[in-house]
Amino acid sequence: MKHNLTLVILTPEQIARAKEANGSRKGITHALVCGPYGQMFGTERQCLKYFTVWDPDHRIEVAPGQFRALFADLFDKAVKTTAFAISDYRTTPDLGARLMEASGTALREAPPARGLFGRLFAGN
């Protein structure tokens, strides 16, 4: 089931709750809600950076002449709104990694350095 990628312009009350949950020194004016995967809170610029790239209509070049959306299988559409009910005001840690895992594009764990060096030196 796909969900909306939602950029929320927070109300003053929502800003206060987000600052309480994430730290009062943070410049929080917006939220980026990613369905059941989590959310992030920050400035408009911070949230737009991810909103633009994660938008299912945005394509990136993965090979010469081949374009694909990062999380098209997770999100139906990207929407901006000023009215959105938020239940949890904490930023989800590692939101990008969670989205990559959910979409099946998570990077595989790197091989241990000892094994990598062993293979390098074995060839010489």
C-alpha atoms as a PDB file:
ATOM      1  CA  MET A   1       0.000   0.000   0.000  1.00  0.00           C
ATOM      2  CA  LYS A   2       1.399   3.364  -0.985  1.00  0.00           C
ATOM      3  CA  HIS A   3       1.162   6.525   1.089  1.00  0.00           C
ATOM      4  CA  ASN A   4       1.498  10.242   0.485  1.00  0.00           C
ATOM      5  CA  LEU A   5       4.752  12.086   1.017  1.00  0.00           C
ATOM      6  CA  THR A   6       3.488  15.161   2.867  1.00  0.00           C
ATOM      7  CA  LEU A   7       5.252  18.473   3.446  1.00  0.00           C
ATOM      8  CA  VAL A   8       3.462  20.237   6.283  1.00  0.00           C
ATOM      9  CA  ILE A   9       3.693  23.937   7.092  1.00  0.00           C
ATOM     10  CA  LEU A  10       3.315  23.772  10.848  1.00  0.00           C
ATOM     11  CA  THR A  11       1.014  25.941  12.946  1.00  0.00           C
ATOM     12  CA  PRO A  12       2.516  27.859  15.890  1.00  0.00           C
ATOM     13  CA  GLU A  13       1.126  25.202  18.258  1.00  0.00           C
ATOM     14  CA  GLN A  14       2.655  22.392  16.211  1.00  0.00           C
ATOM     15  CA  ILE A  15       5.990  24.244  16.090  1.00  0.00           C
ATOM     16  CA  ALA A  16       5.993  24.508  19.882  1.00  0.00           C
ATOM     17  CA  ARG A  17       5.243  20.777  20.261  1.00  0.00           C
ATOM     18  CA  ALA A  18       7.925  19.835  17.720  1.00  0.00           C
ATOM     19  CA  LYS A  19      10.509  22.015  19.467  1.00  0.00           C
ATOM     20  CA  GLU A  20       9.562  20.464  22.794  1.00  0.00           C
ATOM     21  CA  ALA A  21      10.104  16.971  21.349  1.00  0.00           C
ATOM     22  CA  ASN A  22      13.233  17.728  19.277  1.00  0.00           C
ATOM     23  CA  GLY A  23      14.959  20.540  21.134  1.00  0.00           C
ATOM     24  CA  SER A  24      14.019  24.172  21.526  1.00  0.00           C
ATOM     25  CA  ARG A  25      17.113  25.448  19.677  1.00  0.00           C
ATOM     26  CA  LYS A  26      16.106  23.723  16.445  1.00  0.00           C
ATOM     27  CA  GLY A  27      14.665  25.978  13.753  1.00  0.00           C
ATOM     28  CA  ILE A  28      11.440  24.124  13.129  1.00  0.00           C
ATOM     29  CA  THR A  29       8.730  25.458  10.805  1.00  0.00           C
ATOM     30  CA  HIS A  30       7.917  22.401   8.671  1.00  0.00           C
ATOM     31  CA  ALA A  31       7.470  18.660   8.848  1.00  0.00           C
ATOM     32  CA  LEU A  32       7.986  15.988   6.233  1.00  0.00           C
ATOM     33  CA  VAL A  33       5.641  13.078   6.936  1.00  0.00           C
ATOM     34  CA  CYS A  34       6.461   9.809   5.203  1.00  0.00           C
ATOM     35  CA  GLY A  35       3.437   7.667   6.030  1.00  0.00           C
ATOM     36  CA  PRO A  36       4.124   4.810   8.453  1.00  0.00           C
ATOM     37  CA  TYR A  37       7.891   5.116   7.913  1.00  0.00           C
ATOM     38  CA  GLY A  38       8.275   8.226  10.046  1.00  0.00           C
ATOM     39  CA  GLN A  39       8.719  11.961   9.853  1.00  0.00           C
ATOM     40  CA  MET A  40      11.265  14.718  10.156  1.00  0.00           C
ATOM     41  CA  PHE A  41      10.989  18.257  11.474  1.00  0.00           C
ATOM     42  CA  GLY A  42      13.077  21.240  10.407  1.00  0.00           C
ATOM     43  CA  THR A  43      13.151  24.428   8.430  1.00  0.00           C
ATOM     44  CA  GLU A  44      11.427  24.753   5.079  1.00  0.00           C
ATOM     45  CA  ARG A  45      14.791  24.450   3.332  1.00  0.00           C
ATOM     46  CA  GLN A  46      15.770  21.277   5.211  1.00  0.00           C
ATOM     47  CA  CYS A  47      12.450  19.551   4.560  1.00  0.00           C
ATOM     48  CA  LEU A  48      12.221  20.667   0.913  1.00  0.00           C
ATOM     49  CA  LYS A  49      15.617  19.129   0.192  1.00  0.00           C
ATOM     50  CA  TYR A  50      14.231  15.658   0.937  1.00  0.00           C
ATOM     51  CA  PHE A  51      10.669  16.342  -0.260  1.00  0.00           C
ATOM     52  CA  THR A  52      11.955  17.216  -3.739  1.00  0.00           C
ATOM     53  CA  VAL A  53      14.191  14.156  -4.119  1.00  0.00           C
ATOM     54  CA  TRP A  54      11.768  11.667  -2.526  1.00  0.00           C
ATOM     55  CA  ASP A  55       8.795  12.919  -4.614  1.00  0.00           C
ATOM     56  CA  PRO A  56       7.599   9.953  -6.717  1.00  0.00           C
ATOM     57  CA  ASP A  57       7.464  12.245  -9.775  1.00  0.00           C
ATOM     58  CA  HIS A  58      11.152  13.211  -9.396  1.00  0.00           C
ATOM     59  CA  ARG A  59      13.546  11.060 -11.413  1.00  0.00           C
ATOM     60  CA  ILE A  60      17.264  10.576 -10.922  1.00  0.00           C
ATOM     61  CA  GLU A  61      19.662   9.175 -13.490  1.00  0.00           C
ATOM     62  CA  VAL A  62      20.779   5.704 -12.342  1.00  0.00           C
ATOM     63  CA  ALA A  63      22.666   4.891 -15.550  1.00  0.00           C
ATOM     64  CA  PRO A  64      23.276   6.868 -18.730  1.00  0.00           C
ATOM     65  CA  GLY A  65      19.837   7.565 -20.177  1.00  0.00           C
ATOM     66  CA  GLN A  66      18.004   5.573 -17.462  1.00  0.00           C
ATOM     67  CA  PHE A  67      15.945   7.497 -14.927  1.00  0.00           C
ATOM     68  CA  ARG A  68      13.986   6.260 -11.943  1.00  0.00           C
ATOM     69  CA  ALA A  69      12.223   7.620  -8.865  1.00  0.00           C
ATOM     70  CA  LEU A  70      13.849   6.820  -5.536  1.00  0.00           C
ATOM     71  CA  PHE A  71      10.754   5.765  -3.598  1.00  0.00           C
ATOM     72  CA  ALA A  72       8.018   5.477  -6.245  1.00  0.00           C
ATOM     73  CA  ASP A  73       6.995   2.136  -4.765  1.00  0.00           C
ATOM     74  CA  LEU A  74       6.396   3.747  -1.339  1.00  0.00           C
ATOM     75  CA  PHE A  75       4.613   7.005  -2.185  1.00  0.00           C
ATOM     76  CA  ASP A  76       1.613   7.684  -4.418  1.00  0.00           C
ATOM     77  CA  LYS A  77       2.149  11.412  -4.585  1.00  0.00           C
ATOM     78  CA  ALA A  78       3.837  14.334  -2.890  1.00  0.00           C
ATOM     79  CA  VAL A  79       1.574  16.952  -1.356  1.00  0.00           C
ATOM     80  CA  LYS A  80       2.050  20.237   0.500  1.00  0.00           C
ATOM     81  CA  THR A  81      -0.435  21.260   3.159  1.00  0.00           C
ATOM     82  CA  THR A  82      -1.029  23.620   6.054  1.00  0.00           C
ATOM     83  CA  ALA A  83      -3.466  21.325   7.843  1.00  0.00           C
ATOM     84  CA  PHE A  84      -2.203  17.937   8.985  1.00  0.00           C
ATOM     85  CA  ALA A  85      -2.829  16.055  12.223  1.00  0.00           C
ATOM     86  CA  ILE A  86       0.493  14.934  13.670  1.00  0.00           C
ATOM     87  CA  SER A  87       0.433  12.437  16.529  1.00  0.00           C
ATOM     88  CA  ASP A  88       4.179  12.017  17.167  1.00  0.00           C
ATOM     89  CA  TYR A  89       6.378  15.092  17.098  1.00  0.00           C
ATOM     90  CA  ARG A  90       9.719  13.317  17.350  1.00  0.00           C
ATOM     91  CA  THR A  91      11.938  13.155  14.275  1.00  0.00           C
ATOM     92  CA  THR A  92      12.401   9.557  13.153  1.00  0.00           C
ATOM     93  CA  PRO A  93      16.082   8.656  13.372  1.00  0.00           C
ATOM     94  CA  ASP A  94      17.635   7.402  10.127  1.00  0.00           C
ATOM     95  CA  LEU A  95      14.474   8.101   8.125  1.00  0.00           C
ATOM     96  CA  GLY A  96      16.294   7.821   4.798  1.00  0.00           C
ATOM     97  CA  ALA A  97      17.690   4.408   5.753  1.00  0.00           C
ATOM     98  CA  ARG A  98      14.228   3.239   6.797  1.00  0.00           C
ATOM     99  CA  LEU A  99      12.805   4.296   3.445  1.00  0.00           C
ATOM    100  CA  MET A 100      15.614   2.560   1.573  1.00  0.00           C
ATOM    101  CA  GLU A 101      15.021  -0.632   3.532  1.00  0.00           C
ATOM    102  CA  ALA A 102      11.265  -0.483   2.943  1.00  0.00           C
ATOM    103  CA  SER A 103      11.787   0.011  -0.797  1.00  0.00           C
ATOM    104  CA  GLY A 104      14.355  -2.760  -1.014  1.00  0.00           C
ATOM    105  CA  THR A 105      17.171  -0.432  -2.044  1.00  0.00           C
ATOM    106  CA  ALA A 106      19.120  -0.519   1.220  1.00  0.00           C
ATOM    107  CA  LEU A 107      22.837  -0.739   0.776  1.00  0.00           C
ATOM    108  CA  ARG A 108      24.320  -4.079   1.646  1.00  0.00           C
ATOM    109  CA  GLU A 109      26.583  -4.141   4.640  1.00  0.00           C
ATOM    110  CA  ALA A 110      30.194  -3.495   3.733  1.00  0.00           C
ATOM    111  CA  PRO A 111      32.579  -6.436   4.010  1.00  0.00           C
ATOM    112  CA  PRO A 112      34.813  -6.388   7.071  1.00  0.00           C
ATOM    113  CA  ALA A 113      38.112  -4.608   6.435  1.00  0.00           C
ATOM    114  CA  ARG A 114      40.147  -7.692   7.351  1.00  0.00           C
ATOM    115  CA  GLY A 115      38.390  -9.758   4.699  1.00  0.00           C
ATOM    116  CA  LEU A 116      38.764  -6.998   2.105  1.00  0.00           C
ATOM    117  CA  PHE A 117      42.495  -6.584   2.741  1.00  0.00           C
ATOM    118  CA  GLY A 118      42.992 -10.339   2.726  1.00  0.00           C
ATOM    119  CA  ARG A 119      41.455 -10.583  -0.750  1.00  0.00           C
ATOM    120  CA  LEU A 120      43.537  -7.646  -1.990  1.00  0.00           C
ATOM    121  CA  PHE A 121      46.821  -9.101  -0.774  1.00  0.00           C
ATOM    122  CA  ALA A 122      45.984 -12.631  -1.897  1.00  0.00           C
ATOM    123  CA  GLY A 123      45.908 -11.447  -5.510  1.00  0.00           C
ATOM    124  CA  ASN A 124      49.424  -9.993  -5.346  1.00  0.00           C
END
